[in-house]
Amino acid sequence: MEHVELFFKSIFIDNMVFATFLGMCSYLAVSKKVSTAVGLGAAVIFVLAVTVPLNWLLDQYILKEGALVWLGEEFAAYDLSFLSFIMFIATIATMVQLVEIIVEKFSPALYNSLGIFLPLIAVNCAILGGSLFMQSREIPSLGLALTYGVGSGIGWFLAILAIAAIREKIRYSAVPPALRGLGITFIITGLMAIGFMSFGGMLTGGDEKKEEAPKVEAKVEKEKATETTAEIVAENTNTNQ
């Protein structure tokens, strides 16, 4: 259940584009055609699915304070967290190079259509943001890190796919000249972000019930304590009489 909750939360509630507005450069530049958007979105899913778990391992066993204890007790005091950005970016750049080689080998047309934006995935802030959010939220296990990486990638994929489909349609619409191009794209993105905000309460129902239960139990216990106190006072009164 924890994996399912994290998966849907990373797609709809903590969407990289509509919640944190990360990766907007590629989102705006490569969303003119659906086919191109699908190719870049698939590449982002792959990179996030690989780099977030890898960076989780780096953070847990090398970078965080006390992570080197597996080398011996004398290394327990070491804290290499200041290297997080460098190590995370190195991992991301390696995976992006692998994706670039694969796409160029098996789909030259897609490689040419993506152009410079395929290698620029390495500096896409949504990719680095996935690893940094994983670190800041202290995701406890490798499996959950993988789930978060895949979910975040799918969320970014859905965002760029949706805006690409809309931009293909509005070419034939009567858009005011002042809003054509990026103007109407920004407006549509803002409206879509407002729509995705409606998913914010999707996974909070259980939490509210869990919070209400202790309050009810505490109220019942307080009433019992009051009744017990009243009985003791009544007994003492009768005894004195």
Protein backbone atom coordinates (compact mmCIF):
# COMPACT_ATOMS: atom_id res chain seq x y z
CA MET A 1 0.00 0.00 0.00
CA GLU A 2 2.89 2.35 0.76
CA HIS A 3 4.29 1.82 -2.75
CA VAL A 4 0.91 2.51 -4.38
CA GLU A 5 0.39 5.66 -2.33
CA LEU A 6 3.86 7.01 -3.13
CA PHE A 7 3.45 6.11 -6.82
CA PHE A 8 0.19 8.02 -7.31
CA LYS A 9 1.32 10.87 -5.09
CA SER A 10 4.46 11.42 -7.17
CA ILE A 11 2.40 11.43 -10.38
CA PHE A 12 -0.57 13.60 -9.48
CA ILE A 13 0.08 15.48 -6.23
CA ASP A 14 3.84 16.13 -6.39
CA ASN A 15 3.99 16.36 -10.17
CA MET A 16 7.40 17.67 -11.26
CA VAL A 17 5.89 20.18 -13.71
CA PHE A 18 2.57 21.23 -12.21
CA ALA A 19 3.53 21.17 -8.50
CA THR A 20 7.17 22.27 -8.50
CA PHE A 21 7.56 23.61 -12.10
CA LEU A 22 10.81 21.71 -12.68
CA GLY A 23 12.03 20.79 -16.15
CA MET A 24 10.14 23.65 -17.81
CA CYS A 25 12.82 24.31 -20.45
CA SER A 26 12.46 20.89 -22.10
CA TYR A 27 8.74 20.89 -21.33
CA LEU A 28 8.20 24.04 -23.40
CA ALA A 29 10.74 23.40 -26.15
CA VAL A 30 9.96 19.78 -27.05
CA SER A 31 6.17 19.85 -26.66
CA LYS A 32 5.28 21.06 -30.16
CA LYS A 33 4.67 17.50 -31.44
CA VAL A 34 3.24 14.52 -29.59
CA SER A 35 5.71 12.08 -31.16
CA THR A 36 8.70 14.10 -29.97
CA ALA A 37 7.15 14.59 -26.52
CA VAL A 38 6.61 10.84 -26.16
CA GLY A 39 10.26 10.12 -26.98
CA LEU A 40 11.64 12.66 -24.52
CA GLY A 41 9.12 11.64 -21.84
CA ALA A 42 10.14 7.99 -22.15
CA ALA A 43 13.80 8.99 -21.83
CA VAL A 44 13.02 11.00 -18.67
CA ILE A 45 11.14 8.04 -17.15
CA PHE A 46 14.12 5.77 -17.79
CA VAL A 47 16.67 8.23 -16.40
CA LEU A 48 14.62 8.93 -13.25
CA ALA A 49 13.87 5.23 -12.71
CA VAL A 50 17.60 4.44 -12.77
CA THR A 51 19.19 7.50 -11.16
CA VAL A 52 16.89 7.89 -8.12
CA PRO A 53 17.59 4.34 -6.77
CA LEU A 54 21.31 4.65 -7.61
CA ASN A 55 21.54 7.98 -5.83
CA TRP A 56 19.61 6.49 -2.89
CA LEU A 57 22.32 3.83 -2.58
CA LEU A 58 25.03 6.50 -2.80
CA ASP A 59 23.31 8.57 -0.14
CA GLN A 60 22.70 5.65 2.24
CA TYR A 61 26.08 3.93 1.99
CA ILE A 62 28.54 6.70 1.09
CA LEU A 63 27.32 10.29 1.46
CA LYS A 64 25.17 10.75 4.57
CA GLU A 65 26.63 11.12 8.04
CA GLY A 66 27.66 7.74 9.40
CA ALA A 67 27.03 5.99 6.07
CA LEU A 68 30.61 4.65 5.91
CA VAL A 69 30.22 2.64 9.10
CA TRP A 70 30.17 -0.52 6.97
CA LEU A 71 33.89 0.09 6.30
CA GLY A 72 34.66 0.08 10.02
CA GLU A 73 33.91 1.93 13.22
CA GLU A 74 36.69 4.45 12.54
CA PHE A 75 34.72 5.73 9.50
CA ALA A 76 31.42 6.23 11.40
CA ALA A 77 32.07 9.94 12.01
CA TYR A 78 32.64 10.80 8.34
CA ASP A 79 30.03 13.00 6.65
CA LEU A 80 30.33 13.32 2.85
CA SER A 81 26.91 14.93 2.28
CA PHE A 82 28.63 18.02 0.80
CA LEU A 83 29.42 15.84 -2.24
CA SER A 84 25.75 15.06 -2.91
CA PHE A 85 25.32 17.45 -5.84
CA ILE A 86 28.50 16.31 -7.58
CA MET A 87 27.78 12.61 -7.14
CA PHE A 88 24.13 12.91 -8.13
CA ILE A 89 24.93 14.91 -11.27
CA ALA A 90 27.69 12.45 -12.23
CA THR A 91 25.23 9.55 -11.96
CA ILE A 92 22.62 11.43 -14.00
CA ALA A 93 25.13 12.40 -16.71
CA THR A 94 26.24 8.78 -17.05
CA MET A 95 22.68 7.53 -17.50
CA VAL A 96 21.87 10.30 -19.99
CA GLN A 97 24.87 9.32 -22.10
CA LEU A 98 23.60 5.74 -22.09
CA VAL A 99 20.13 6.87 -23.19
CA GLU A 100 21.62 9.04 -25.94
CA ILE A 101 23.63 6.11 -27.31
CA ILE A 102 20.59 3.81 -27.27
CA VAL A 103 18.27 6.33 -28.96
CA GLU A 104 20.84 7.19 -31.63
CA LYS A 105 21.38 3.50 -32.33
CA PHE A 106 17.76 2.32 -32.53
CA SER A 107 15.81 5.48 -33.46
CA PRO A 108 17.87 7.98 -35.49
CA ALA A 109 14.75 9.93 -36.48
CA LEU A 110 13.79 10.51 -32.84
CA TYR A 111 17.42 11.34 -32.01
CA ASN A 112 17.47 14.03 -34.72
CA SER A 113 14.07 15.45 -33.70
CA LEU A 114 15.08 15.76 -30.05
CA GLY A 115 18.33 17.45 -31.03
CA ILE A 116 20.21 19.18 -28.24
CA PHE A 117 17.45 18.53 -25.70
CA LEU A 118 18.32 14.85 -25.35
CA PRO A 119 21.82 15.42 -23.90
CA LEU A 120 20.38 18.36 -21.95
CA ILE A 121 18.42 15.86 -19.85
CA ALA A 122 21.63 15.72 -17.82
CA VAL A 123 21.01 19.28 -16.65
CA ASN A 124 17.22 18.96 -16.52
CA CYS A 125 16.32 20.21 -13.04
CA ALA A 126 13.46 17.68 -12.85
CA ILE A 127 15.99 14.83 -12.96
CA LEU A 128 18.18 16.30 -10.24
CA GLY A 129 15.06 17.35 -8.33
CA GLY A 130 13.93 13.71 -8.15
CA SER A 131 17.16 12.69 -6.38
CA LEU A 132 17.17 15.72 -4.09
CA PHE A 133 13.52 15.23 -3.11
CA MET A 134 14.30 11.57 -2.43
CA GLN A 135 17.11 12.67 -0.12
CA SER A 136 15.20 15.45 1.65
CA ARG A 137 12.10 13.31 2.22
CA GLU A 138 14.27 10.51 3.62
CA ILE A 139 12.68 7.72 1.60
CA PRO A 140 13.43 4.64 3.73
CA SER A 141 14.03 1.83 1.23
CA LEU A 142 15.45 1.12 -2.22
CA GLY A 143 12.09 -0.19 -3.43
CA LEU A 144 10.32 3.03 -2.46
CA ALA A 145 13.08 5.05 -4.14
CA LEU A 146 12.49 3.09 -7.36
CA THR A 147 8.73 3.66 -7.05
CA TYR A 148 9.28 7.38 -6.52
CA GLY A 149 11.63 7.62 -9.50
CA VAL A 150 9.23 5.82 -11.85
CA GLY A 151 6.23 7.79 -10.57
CA SER A 152 8.01 11.13 -10.95
CA GLY A 153 9.06 10.20 -14.50
CA ILE A 154 5.53 9.19 -15.45
CA GLY A 155 4.21 12.45 -13.97
CA TRP A 156 6.61 14.48 -16.12
CA PHE A 157 5.74 12.31 -19.14
CA LEU A 158 2.00 12.92 -18.68
CA ALA A 159 2.60 16.66 -18.36
CA ILE A 160 4.61 17.01 -21.58
CA LEU A 161 2.29 14.62 -23.44
CA ALA A 162 -0.80 16.60 -22.41
CA ILE A 163 0.64 19.98 -23.38
CA ALA A 164 1.93 18.58 -26.70
CA ALA A 165 -1.52 17.25 -27.58
CA ILE A 166 -3.11 20.59 -26.68
CA ARG A 167 -0.53 22.60 -28.64
CA GLU A 168 -1.17 20.51 -31.73
CA LYS A 169 -4.89 21.29 -31.47
CA ILE A 170 -4.61 25.01 -30.78
CA ARG A 171 -2.71 25.52 -34.03
CA TYR A 172 -6.13 25.48 -35.69
CA SER A 173 -7.77 27.68 -33.04
CA ALA A 174 -8.33 31.42 -33.16
CA VAL A 175 -5.76 32.38 -30.54
CA PRO A 176 -5.25 36.17 -30.12
CA PRO A 177 -1.99 37.23 -31.83
CA ALA A 178 -0.49 38.54 -28.59
CA LEU A 179 -0.88 35.11 -26.92
CA ARG A 180 0.31 32.85 -29.73
CA GLY A 181 3.28 30.62 -28.98
CA LEU A 182 4.61 30.57 -25.44
CA GLY A 183 1.95 32.97 -24.15
CA ILE A 184 -0.97 30.59 -24.55
CA THR A 185 1.27 27.67 -23.51
CA PHE A 186 2.01 29.31 -20.16
CA ILE A 187 -1.67 30.04 -19.61
CA ILE A 188 -2.65 26.43 -20.39
CA THR A 189 0.12 25.14 -18.11
CA GLY A 190 -1.16 27.31 -15.27
CA LEU A 191 -4.72 26.05 -15.76
CA MET A 192 -3.50 22.44 -15.85
CA ALA A 193 -1.53 23.05 -12.63
CA ILE A 194 -4.71 24.32 -10.96
CA GLY A 195 -6.49 21.19 -12.16
CA PHE A 196 -3.78 18.95 -10.72
CA MET A 197 -4.12 20.75 -7.37
CA SER A 198 -7.51 19.05 -7.04
CA PHE A 199 -5.66 15.76 -6.53
CA GLY A 200 -4.15 17.19 -3.32
CA GLY A 201 -6.84 15.65 -1.11
CA MET A 202 -6.86 12.29 -2.88
CA LEU A 203 -4.67 10.51 -0.30
CA THR A 204 -5.50 12.46 2.86
CA GLY A 205 -8.75 10.76 3.89
CA GLY A 206 -7.04 7.97 5.80
CA ASP A 207 -4.76 10.41 7.59
CA GLU A 208 -7.71 12.45 8.81
CA LYS A 209 -9.39 9.33 10.21
CA LYS A 210 -6.18 8.31 11.94
CA GLU A 211 -5.92 11.76 13.51
CA GLU A 212 -9.55 11.74 14.65
CA ALA A 213 -9.33 8.33 16.35
CA PRO A 214 -6.87 9.35 19.12
CA LYS A 215 -8.96 12.47 19.83
CA VAL A 216 -12.09 10.33 20.39
CA GLU A 217 -10.19 7.87 22.58
CA ALA A 218 -8.73 10.73 24.65
CA LYS A 219 -12.22 12.22 25.11
CA VAL A 220 -13.63 8.87 26.30
CA GLU A 221 -10.75 8.40 28.75
CA LYS A 222 -11.27 11.94 30.09
CA GLU A 223 -14.97 11.25 30.66
CA LYS A 224 -14.16 8.00 32.48
CA ALA A 225 -11.63 9.79 34.68
CA THR A 226 -14.22 12.46 35.53
CA GLU A 227 -16.81 9.82 36.46
CA THR A 228 -14.30 7.97 38.63
CA THR A 229 -13.35 11.18 40.43
CA ALA A 230 -17.02 11.98 41.06
CA GLU A 231 -17.61 8.49 42.50
CA ILE A 232 -14.62 8.79 44.84
CA VAL A 233 -15.83 12.20 46.09
CA ALA A 234 -19.32 10.81 46.65
CA GLU A 235 -17.94 7.83 48.63
CA ASN A 236 -15.81 10.10 50.82
CA THR A 237 -18.82 12.33 51.48
CA ASN A 238 -20.96 9.37 52.55
CA THR A 239 -18.19 8.06 54.78
CA ASN A 240 -17.78 11.41 56.55
CA GLN A 241 -21.50 11.63 57.13
